[in-house]
Amino acid sequence: MREFTHEGSAILNEGESLQERQKADKDFGRLVSLRLARTEVLEYEDLSIESEATKKLCLQWENLEVHNGLVYRRSRSQRSGEPDYLQLLVPRIT
């Protein structure tokens, strides 16, 4: 497994996947788990018990996509004729 580093810190430990790191991220891990398990956004009542970060990220639900077990945000191009692009939700380095 290739180890990626950032300023001397390992981003992925040996045997750890990016999918696992997304789910474990303290800021968006809950959203990742929800998006992997559901196609529909949570109902208001169910969302009310979630953290503020999860609530804010759920506002982007329609732009979140799952590809190969990873969650991406689709960003719409602001320039005419240019394609949209996918932005990987990258977990924090701990």
PDB file of N, CA and C in Angstrom:
ATOM      1  N   MET A   1       0.842  -1.183   0.000  1.00  0.00           N
ATOM      2  CA  MET A   1       0.000   0.000   0.000  1.00  0.00           C
ATOM      3  C   MET A   1       0.882   1.239   0.000  1.00  0.00           C
ATOM      4  N   ARG A   2       0.535   2.181  -0.812  1.00  0.00           N
ATOM      5  CA  ARG A   2       1.283   3.423  -0.891  1.00  0.00           C
ATOM      6  C   ARG A   2       0.886   4.310   0.280  1.00  0.00           C
ATOM      7  N   GLU A   3       1.865   4.842   0.968  1.00  0.00           N
ATOM      8  CA  GLU A   3       1.587   5.721   2.095  1.00  0.00           C
ATOM      9  C   GLU A   3       1.694   7.162   1.632  1.00  0.00           C
ATOM     10  N   PHE A   4       0.653   7.929   1.838  1.00  0.00           N
ATOM     11  CA  PHE A   4       0.648   9.340   1.485  1.00  0.00           C
ATOM     12  C   PHE A   4       1.035  10.130   2.728  1.00  0.00           C
ATOM     13  N   THR A   5       1.822  11.161   2.543  1.00  0.00           N
ATOM     14  CA  THR A   5       2.227  11.965   3.687  1.00  0.00           C
ATOM     15  C   THR A   5       1.937  13.436   3.439  1.00  0.00           C
ATOM     16  N   HIS A   6       1.778  14.149   4.525  1.00  0.00           N
ATOM     17  CA  HIS A   6       1.564  15.592   4.495  1.00  0.00           C
ATOM     18  C   HIS A   6       2.380  16.174   5.627  1.00  0.00           C
ATOM     19  N   GLU A   7       3.375  16.967   5.303  1.00  0.00           N
ATOM     20  CA  GLU A   7       4.228  17.605   6.294  1.00  0.00           C
ATOM     21  C   GLU A   7       4.761  16.595   7.299  1.00  0.00           C
ATOM     22  N   GLY A   8       5.191  15.440   6.806  1.00  0.00           N
ATOM     23  CA  GLY A   8       5.800  14.433   7.659  1.00  0.00           C
ATOM     24  C   GLY A   8       4.832  13.526   8.388  1.00  0.00           C
ATOM     25  N   SER A   9       3.522  13.768   8.305  1.00  0.00           N
ATOM     26  CA  SER A   9       2.539  12.929   8.983  1.00  0.00           C
ATOM     27  C   SER A   9       1.905  11.970   7.985  1.00  0.00           C
ATOM     28  N   ALA A  10       1.702  10.742   8.421  1.00  0.00           N
ATOM     29  CA  ALA A  10       1.043   9.769   7.549  1.00  0.00           C
ATOM     30  C   ALA A  10      -0.433  10.102   7.458  1.00  0.00           C
ATOM     31  N   ILE A  11      -0.951  10.152   6.230  1.00  0.00           N
ATOM     32  CA  ILE A  11      -2.374  10.384   6.027  1.00  0.00           C
ATOM     33  C   ILE A  11      -3.117   9.069   6.202  1.00  0.00           C
ATOM     34  N   LEU A  12      -2.586   8.012   5.639  1.00  0.00           N
ATOM     35  CA  LEU A  12      -3.169   6.685   5.789  1.00  0.00           C
ATOM     36  C   LEU A  12      -2.154   5.778   6.457  1.00  0.00           C
ATOM     37  N   ASN A  13      -2.582   5.108   7.501  1.00  0.00           N
ATOM     38  CA  ASN A  13      -1.727   4.133   8.148  1.00  0.00           C
ATOM     39  C   ASN A  13      -1.809   2.824   7.371  1.00  0.00           C
ATOM     40  N   GLU A  14      -0.829   1.982   7.539  1.00  0.00           N
ATOM     41  CA  GLU A  14      -0.819   0.704   6.825  1.00  0.00           C
ATOM     42  C   GLU A  14      -2.083  -0.077   7.140  1.00  0.00           C
ATOM     43  N   GLY A  15      -2.727  -0.584   6.106  1.00  0.00           N
ATOM     44  CA  GLY A  15      -3.943  -1.369   6.270  1.00  0.00           C
ATOM     45  C   GLY A  15      -5.207  -0.540   6.409  1.00  0.00           C
ATOM     46  N   GLU A  16      -5.070   0.767   6.396  1.00  0.00           N
ATOM     47  CA  GLU A  16      -6.222   1.651   6.560  1.00  0.00           C
ATOM     48  C   GLU A  16      -6.652   2.177   5.190  1.00  0.00           C
ATOM     49  N   SER A  17      -7.953   2.240   4.967  1.00  0.00           N
ATOM     50  CA  SER A  17      -8.442   2.728   3.681  1.00  0.00           C
ATOM     51  C   SER A  17      -8.971   4.151   3.808  1.00  0.00           C
ATOM     52  N   LEU A  18      -9.032   4.816   2.685  1.00  0.00           N
ATOM     53  CA  LEU A  18      -9.587   6.162   2.657  1.00  0.00           C
ATOM     54  C   LEU A  18     -11.066   6.133   3.036  1.00  0.00           C
ATOM     55  N   GLN A  19     -11.762   5.056   2.663  1.00  0.00           N
ATOM     56  CA  GLN A  19     -13.164   4.908   3.044  1.00  0.00           C
ATOM     57  C   GLN A  19     -13.317   4.882   4.571  1.00  0.00           C
ATOM     58  N   GLU A  20     -12.434   4.154   5.242  1.00  0.00           N
ATOM     59  CA  GLU A  20     -12.478   4.088   6.707  1.00  0.00           C
ATOM     60  C   GLU A  20     -12.190   5.450   7.328  1.00  0.00           C
ATOM     61  N   ARG A  21     -11.236   6.172   6.738  1.00  0.00           N
ATOM     62  CA  ARG A  21     -10.894   7.490   7.265  1.00  0.00           C
ATOM     63  C   ARG A  21     -12.040   8.476   7.090  1.00  0.00           C
ATOM     64  N   GLN A  22     -12.760   8.393   5.955  1.00  0.00           N
ATOM     65  CA  GLN A  22     -13.921   9.265   5.764  1.00  0.00           C
ATOM     66  C   GLN A  22     -14.952   9.011   6.859  1.00  0.00           C
ATOM     67  N   LYS A  23     -15.258   7.756   7.115  1.00  0.00           N
ATOM     68  CA  LYS A  23     -16.275   7.409   8.114  1.00  0.00           C
ATOM     69  C   LYS A  23     -15.857   7.808   9.520  1.00  0.00           C
ATOM     70  N   ALA A  24     -14.561   7.802   9.801  1.00  0.00           N
ATOM     71  CA  ALA A  24     -14.061   8.115  11.136  1.00  0.00           C
ATOM     72  C   ALA A  24     -13.836   9.604  11.366  1.00  0.00           C
ATOM     73  N   ASP A  25     -13.915  10.417  10.323  1.00  0.00           N
ATOM     74  CA  ASP A  25     -13.646  11.850  10.456  1.00  0.00           C
ATOM     75  C   ASP A  25     -14.642  12.484  11.417  1.00  0.00           C
ATOM     76  N   LYS A  26     -14.137  13.281  12.364  1.00  0.00           N
ATOM     77  CA  LYS A  26     -15.019  13.854  13.391  1.00  0.00           C
ATOM     78  C   LYS A  26     -15.977  14.903  12.839  1.00  0.00           C
ATOM     79  N   ASP A  27     -15.624  15.539  11.737  1.00  0.00           N
ATOM     80  CA  ASP A  27     -16.487  16.586  11.197  1.00  0.00           C
ATOM     81  C   ASP A  27     -17.542  16.057  10.231  1.00  0.00           C
ATOM     82  N   PHE A  28     -17.188  15.114   9.383  1.00  0.00           N
ATOM     83  CA  PHE A  28     -18.183  14.670   8.414  1.00  0.00           C
ATOM     84  C   PHE A  28     -18.379  13.164   8.360  1.00  0.00           C
ATOM     85  N   GLY A  29     -17.838  12.441   9.326  1.00  0.00           N
ATOM     86  CA  GLY A  29     -17.984  10.982   9.353  1.00  0.00           C
ATOM     87  C   GLY A  29     -19.430  10.520   9.403  1.00  0.00           C
ATOM     88  N   ARG A  30     -20.252  11.186  10.198  1.00  0.00           N
ATOM     89  CA  ARG A  30     -21.666  10.804  10.297  1.00  0.00           C
ATOM     90  C   ARG A  30     -22.364  11.009   8.957  1.00  0.00           C
ATOM     91  N   LEU A  31     -22.092  12.122   8.296  1.00  0.00           N
ATOM     92  CA  LEU A  31     -22.694  12.386   6.999  1.00  0.00           C
ATOM     93  C   LEU A  31     -22.270  11.327   5.988  1.00  0.00           C
ATOM     94  N   VAL A  32     -21.015  10.947   6.002  1.00  0.00           N
ATOM     95  CA  VAL A  32     -20.513   9.922   5.082  1.00  0.00           C
ATOM     96  C   VAL A  32     -21.272   8.616   5.311  1.00  0.00           C
ATOM     97  N   SER A  33     -21.417   8.220   6.568  1.00  0.00           N
ATOM     98  CA  SER A  33     -22.147   6.987   6.876  1.00  0.00           C
ATOM     99  C   SER A  33     -23.591   7.066   6.412  1.00  0.00           C
ATOM    100  N   LEU A  34     -24.229   8.208   6.637  1.00  0.00           N
ATOM    101  CA  LEU A  34     -25.618   8.387   6.190  1.00  0.00           C
ATOM    102  C   LEU A  34     -25.717   8.312   4.673  1.00  0.00           C
ATOM    103  N   ARG A  35     -24.794   8.987   3.988  1.00  0.00           N
ATOM    104  CA  ARG A  35     -24.870   9.041   2.520  1.00  0.00           C
ATOM    105  C   ARG A  35     -24.595   7.682   1.899  1.00  0.00           C
ATOM    106  N   LEU A  36     -23.724   6.907   2.512  1.00  0.00           N
ATOM    107  CA  LEU A  36     -23.452   5.562   2.013  1.00  0.00           C
ATOM    108  C   LEU A  36     -24.651   4.638   2.206  1.00  0.00           C
ATOM    109  N   ALA A  37     -25.438   4.876   3.255  1.00  0.00           N
ATOM    110  CA  ALA A  37     -26.560   4.001   3.591  1.00  0.00           C
ATOM    111  C   ALA A  37     -27.888   4.438   2.982  1.00  0.00           C
ATOM    112  N   ARG A  38     -27.997   5.709   2.596  1.00  0.00           N
ATOM    113  CA  ARG A  38     -29.280   6.242   2.163  1.00  0.00           C
ATOM    114  C   ARG A  38     -29.166   7.010   0.856  1.00  0.00           C
ATOM    115  N   THR A  39     -30.264   7.040   0.125  1.00  0.00           N
ATOM    116  CA  THR A  39     -30.317   7.899  -1.055  1.00  0.00           C
ATOM    117  C   THR A  39     -31.112   9.161  -0.757  1.00  0.00           C
ATOM    118  N   GLU A  40     -31.958   9.104   0.262  1.00  0.00           N
ATOM    119  CA  GLU A  40     -32.791  10.246   0.642  1.00  0.00           C
ATOM    120  C   GLU A  40     -32.218  10.926   1.880  1.00  0.00           C
ATOM    121  N   VAL A  41     -32.326  12.232   1.931  1.00  0.00           N
ATOM    122  CA  VAL A  41     -31.877  12.988   3.097  1.00  0.00           C
ATOM    123  C   VAL A  41     -32.769  12.647   4.290  1.00  0.00           C
ATOM    124  N   LEU A  42     -32.219  12.787   5.490  1.00  0.00           N
ATOM    125  CA  LEU A  42     -32.994  12.525   6.704  1.00  0.00           C
ATOM    126  C   LEU A  42     -34.177  13.479   6.816  1.00  0.00           C
ATOM    127  N   GLU A  43     -35.230  13.002   7.448  1.00  0.00           N
ATOM    128  CA  GLU A  43     -36.370  13.856   7.759  1.00  0.00           C
ATOM    129  C   GLU A  43     -35.944  14.863   8.821  1.00  0.00           C
ATOM    130  N   TYR A  44     -36.645  15.973   8.899  1.00  0.00           N
ATOM    131  CA  TYR A  44     -36.302  17.042   9.843  1.00  0.00           C
ATOM    132  C   TYR A  44     -36.208  16.515  11.274  1.00  0.00           C
ATOM    133  N   GLU A  45     -37.154  15.691  11.672  1.00  0.00           N
ATOM    134  CA  GLU A  45     -37.171  15.163  13.044  1.00  0.00           C
ATOM    135  C   GLU A  45     -35.915  14.337  13.330  1.00  0.00           C
ATOM    136  N   ASP A  46     -35.502  13.526  12.358  1.00  0.00           N
ATOM    137  CA  ASP A  46     -34.308  12.699  12.533  1.00  0.00           C
ATOM    138  C   ASP A  46     -33.039  13.539  12.497  1.00  0.00           C
ATOM    139  N   LEU A  47     -33.045  14.568  11.703  1.00  0.00           N
ATOM    140  CA  LEU A  47     -31.884  15.434  11.567  1.00  0.00           C
ATOM    141  C   LEU A  47     -31.666  16.294  12.812  1.00  0.00           C
ATOM    142  N   SER A  48     -32.731  16.555  13.552  1.00  0.00           N
ATOM    143  CA  SER A  48     -32.640  17.447  14.714  1.00  0.00           C
ATOM    144  C   SER A  48     -31.690  16.930  15.791  1.00  0.00           C
ATOM    145  N   ILE A  49     -31.468  15.633  15.848  1.00  0.00           N
ATOM    146  CA  ILE A  49     -30.569  15.082  16.870  1.00  0.00           C
ATOM    147  C   ILE A  49     -29.111  15.043  16.419  1.00  0.00           C
ATOM    148  N   GLU A  50     -28.848  15.392  15.172  1.00  0.00           N
ATOM    149  CA  GLU A  50     -27.487  15.346  14.630  1.00  0.00           C
ATOM    150  C   GLU A  50     -26.699  16.605  15.021  1.00  0.00           C
ATOM    151  N   SER A  51     -25.380  16.527  14.883  1.00  0.00           N
ATOM    152  CA  SER A  51     -24.516  17.672  15.205  1.00  0.00           C
ATOM    153  C   SER A  51     -24.759  18.805  14.217  1.00  0.00           C
ATOM    154  N   GLU A  52     -24.316  19.989  14.591  1.00  0.00           N
ATOM    155  CA  GLU A  52     -24.457  21.155  13.707  1.00  0.00           C
ATOM    156  C   GLU A  52     -23.695  20.937  12.398  1.00  0.00           C
ATOM    157  N   ALA A  53     -22.530  20.322  12.485  1.00  0.00           N
ATOM    158  CA  ALA A  53     -21.742  20.059  11.270  1.00  0.00           C
ATOM    159  C   ALA A  53     -22.498  19.127  10.335  1.00  0.00           C
ATOM    160  N   THR A  54     -23.101  18.087  10.876  1.00  0.00           N
ATOM    161  CA  THR A  54     -23.863  17.145  10.050  1.00  0.00           C
ATOM    162  C   THR A  54     -25.068  17.835   9.432  1.00  0.00           C
ATOM    163  N   LYS A  55     -25.752  18.663  10.207  1.00  0.00           N
ATOM    164  CA  LYS A  55     -26.913  19.399   9.676  1.00  0.00           C
ATOM    165  C   LYS A  55     -26.500  20.284   8.506  1.00  0.00           C
ATOM    166  N   LYS A  56     -25.400  20.998   8.658  1.00  0.00           N
ATOM    167  CA  LYS A  56     -24.938  21.895   7.587  1.00  0.00           C
ATOM    168  C   LYS A  56     -24.551  21.108   6.341  1.00  0.00           C
ATOM    169  N   LEU A  57     -23.872  19.997   6.538  1.00  0.00           N
ATOM    170  CA  LEU A  57     -23.467  19.191   5.390  1.00  0.00           C
ATOM    171  C   LEU A  57     -24.658  18.538   4.708  1.00  0.00           C
ATOM    172  N   CYS A  58     -25.700  18.220   5.473  1.00  0.00           N
ATOM    173  CA  CYS A  58     -26.904  17.625   4.878  1.00  0.00           C
ATOM    174  C   CYS A  58     -27.607  18.609   3.946  1.00  0.00           C
ATOM    175  N   LEU A  59     -27.351  19.893   4.119  1.00  0.00           N
ATOM    176  CA  LEU A  59     -27.918  20.881   3.201  1.00  0.00           C
ATOM    177  C   LEU A  59     -27.360  20.696   1.783  1.00  0.00           C
ATOM    178  N   GLN A  60     -26.237  20.014   1.680  1.00  0.00           N
ATOM    179  CA  GLN A  60     -25.605  19.767   0.381  1.00  0.00           C
ATOM    180  C   GLN A  60     -25.917  18.370  -0.149  1.00  0.00           C
ATOM    181  N   TRP A  61     -26.871  17.692   0.470  1.00  0.00           N
ATOM    182  CA  TRP A  61     -27.171  16.298   0.165  1.00  0.00           C
ATOM    183  C   TRP A  61     -27.276  16.011  -1.331  1.00  0.00           C
ATOM    184  N   GLU A  62     -27.991  16.852  -2.053  1.00  0.00           N
ATOM    185  CA  GLU A  62     -28.218  16.622  -3.488  1.00  0.00           C
ATOM    186  C   GLU A  62     -26.929  16.671  -4.304  1.00  0.00           C
ATOM    187  N   ASN A  63     -25.894  17.289  -3.754  1.00  0.00           N
ATOM    188  CA  ASN A  63     -24.611  17.383  -4.460  1.00  0.00           C
ATOM    189  C   ASN A  63     -23.626  16.307  -4.028  1.00  0.00           C
ATOM    190  N   LEU A  64     -24.014  15.456  -3.081  1.00  0.00           N
ATOM    191  CA  LEU A  64     -23.123  14.410  -2.586  1.00  0.00           C
ATOM    192  C   LEU A  64     -23.374  13.114  -3.342  1.00  0.00           C
ATOM    193  N   GLU A  65     -22.291  12.496  -3.772  1.00  0.00           N
ATOM    194  CA  GLU A  65     -22.381  11.264  -4.558  1.00  0.00           C
ATOM    195  C   GLU A  65     -21.410  10.231  -4.006  1.00  0.00           C
ATOM    196  N   VAL A  66     -21.783   8.973  -4.154  1.00  0.00           N
ATOM    197  CA  VAL A  66     -20.927   7.868  -3.734  1.00  0.00           C
ATOM    198  C   VAL A  66     -20.339   7.206  -4.979  1.00  0.00           C
ATOM    199  N   HIS A  67     -19.017   7.073  -4.995  1.00  0.00           N
ATOM    200  CA  HIS A  67     -18.310   6.386  -6.072  1.00  0.00           C
ATOM    201  C   HIS A  67     -17.253   5.492  -5.440  1.00  0.00           C
ATOM    202  N   ASN A  68     -17.345   4.195  -5.696  1.00  0.00           N
ATOM    203  CA  ASN A  68     -16.385   3.221  -5.149  1.00  0.00           C
ATOM    204  C   ASN A  68     -16.248   3.319  -3.634  1.00  0.00           C
ATOM    205  N   GLY A  69     -17.376   3.535  -2.960  1.00  0.00           N
ATOM    206  CA  GLY A  69     -17.367   3.577  -1.499  1.00  0.00           C
ATOM    207  C   GLY A  69     -16.859   4.864  -0.897  1.00  0.00           C
ATOM    208  N   LEU A  70     -16.578   5.864  -1.717  1.00  0.00           N
ATOM    209  CA  LEU A  70     -16.119   7.173  -1.231  1.00  0.00           C
ATOM    210  C   LEU A  70     -17.174   8.222  -1.542  1.00  0.00           C
ATOM    211  N   VAL A  71     -17.270   9.221  -0.675  1.00  0.00           N
ATOM    212  CA  VAL A  71     -18.249  10.285  -0.868  1.00  0.00           C
ATOM    213  C   VAL A  71     -17.559  11.511  -1.458  1.00  0.00           C
ATOM    214  N   TYR A  72     -18.181  12.029  -2.510  1.00  0.00           N
ATOM    215  CA  TYR A  72     -17.693  13.214  -3.222  1.00  0.00           C
ATOM    216  C   TYR A  72     -18.791  14.268  -3.251  1.00  0.00           C
ATOM    217  N   ARG A  73     -18.375  15.520  -3.387  1.00  0.00           N
ATOM    218  CA  ARG A  73     -19.324  16.608  -3.612  1.00  0.00           C
ATOM    219  C   ARG A  73     -19.203  17.023  -5.078  1.00  0.00           C
ATOM    220  N   ARG A  74     -20.328  17.038  -5.785  1.00  0.00           N
ATOM    221  CA  ARG A  74     -20.345  17.490  -7.177  1.00  0.00           C
ATOM    222  C   ARG A  74     -20.411  19.015  -7.166  1.00  0.00           C
ATOM    223  N   SER A  75     -19.458  19.625  -7.817  1.00  0.00           N
ATOM    224  CA  SER A  75     -19.438  21.079  -7.947  1.00  0.00           C
ATOM    225  C   SER A  75     -19.794  21.432  -9.375  1.00  0.00           C
ATOM    226  N   ARG A  76     -20.728  22.308  -9.517  1.00  0.00           N
ATOM    227  CA  ARG A  76     -21.187  22.739 -10.837  1.00  0.00           C
ATOM    228  C   ARG A  76     -20.220  23.790 -11.379  1.00  0.00           C
ATOM    229  N   SER A  77     -19.830  23.617 -12.615  1.00  0.00           N
ATOM    230  CA  SER A  77     -18.931  24.574 -13.251  1.00  0.00           C
ATOM    231  C   SER A  77     -19.651  25.906 -13.428  1.00  0.00           C
ATOM    232  N   GLN A  78     -18.944  26.983 -13.156  1.00  0.00           N
ATOM    233  CA  GLN A  78     -19.490  28.321 -13.326  1.00  0.00           C
ATOM    234  C   GLN A  78     -19.312  28.820 -14.751  1.00  0.00           C
ATOM    235  N   ARG A  79     -18.496  28.117 -15.520  1.00  0.00           N
ATOM    236  CA  ARG A  79     -18.216  28.522 -16.900  1.00  0.00           C
ATOM    237  C   ARG A  79     -19.055  27.697 -17.865  1.00  0.00           C
ATOM    238  N   SER A  80     -19.647  28.368 -18.784  1.00  0.00           N
ATOM    239  CA  SER A  80     -20.484  27.712 -19.781  1.00  0.00           C
ATOM    240  C   SER A  80     -19.681  26.706 -20.594  1.00  0.00           C
ATOM    241  N   GLY A  81     -20.234  25.521 -20.734  1.00  0.00           N
ATOM    242  CA  GLY A  81     -19.596  24.492 -21.540  1.00  0.00           C
ATOM    243  C   GLY A  81     -18.583  23.639 -20.807  1.00  0.00           C
ATOM    244  N   GLU A  82     -18.175  24.034 -19.607  1.00  0.00           N
ATOM    245  CA  GLU A  82     -17.221  23.227 -18.854  1.00  0.00           C
ATOM    246  C   GLU A  82     -17.977  22.209 -18.015  1.00  0.00           C
ATOM    247  N   PRO A  83     -17.423  21.005 -17.880  1.00  0.00           N
ATOM    248  CA  PRO A  83     -18.120  19.962 -17.112  1.00  0.00           C
ATOM    249  C   PRO A  83     -18.061  20.216 -15.609  1.00  0.00           C
ATOM    250  N   ASP A  84     -19.014  19.600 -14.898  1.00  0.00           N
ATOM    251  CA  ASP A  84     -18.961  19.612 -13.442  1.00  0.00           C
ATOM    252  C   ASP A  84     -17.726  18.824 -13.013  1.00  0.00           C
ATOM    253  N   TYR A  85     -17.355  18.961 -11.751  1.00  0.00           N
ATOM    254  CA  TYR A  85     -16.252  18.148 -11.253  1.00  0.00           C
ATOM    255  C   TYR A  85     -16.608  17.608  -9.884  1.00  0.00           C
ATOM    256  N   LEU A  86     -15.961  16.508  -9.512  1.00  0.00           N
ATOM    257  CA  LEU A  86     -16.187  15.883  -8.217  1.00  0.00           C
ATOM    258  C   LEU A  86     -15.060  16.265  -7.281  1.00  0.00           C
ATOM    259  N   GLN A  87     -15.444  16.588  -6.049  1.00  0.00           N
ATOM    260  CA  GLN A  87     -14.494  17.000  -5.027  1.00  0.00           C
ATOM    261  C   GLN A  87     -14.561  15.954  -3.906  1.00  0.00           C
ATOM    262  N   LEU A  88     -13.482  15.240  -3.675  1.00  0.00           N
ATOM    263  CA  LEU A  88     -13.436  14.211  -2.650  1.00  0.00           C
ATOM    264  C   LEU A  88     -13.513  14.851  -1.277  1.00  0.00           C
ATOM    265  N   LEU A  89     -14.354  14.316  -0.401  1.00  0.00           N
ATOM    266  CA  LEU A  89     -14.381  14.772   0.987  1.00  0.00           C
ATOM    267  C   LEU A  89     -13.173  14.143   1.670  1.00  0.00           C
ATOM    268  N   VAL A  90     -12.174  14.958   1.937  1.00  0.00           N
ATOM    269  CA  VAL A  90     -10.901  14.476   2.463  1.00  0.00           C
ATOM    270  C   VAL A  90     -10.904  14.567   3.985  1.00  0.00           C
ATOM    271  N   PRO A  91     -10.628  13.447   4.655  1.00  0.00           N
ATOM    272  CA  PRO A  91     -10.609  13.459   6.119  1.00  0.00           C
ATOM    273  C   PRO A  91      -9.430  14.267   6.656  1.00  0.00           C
ATOM    274  N   ARG A  92      -9.611  14.776   7.858  1.00  0.00           N
ATOM    275  CA  ARG A  92      -8.528  15.519   8.506  1.00  0.00           C
ATOM    276  C   ARG A  92      -7.359  14.586   8.826  1.00  0.00           C
ATOM    277  N   ILE A  93      -6.196  15.164   8.852  1.00  0.00           N
ATOM    278  CA  ILE A  93      -5.016  14.435   9.270  1.00  0.00           C
ATOM    279  C   ILE A  93      -4.950  14.517  10.785  1.00  0.00           C
ATOM    280  N   THR A  94      -4.868  13.376  11.424  1.00  0.00           N
ATOM    281  CA  THR A  94      -4.827  13.378  12.898  1.00  0.00           C
ATOM    282  C   THR A  94      -3.493  12.928  13.398  1.00  0.00           C
TER     283      THR A  94
END
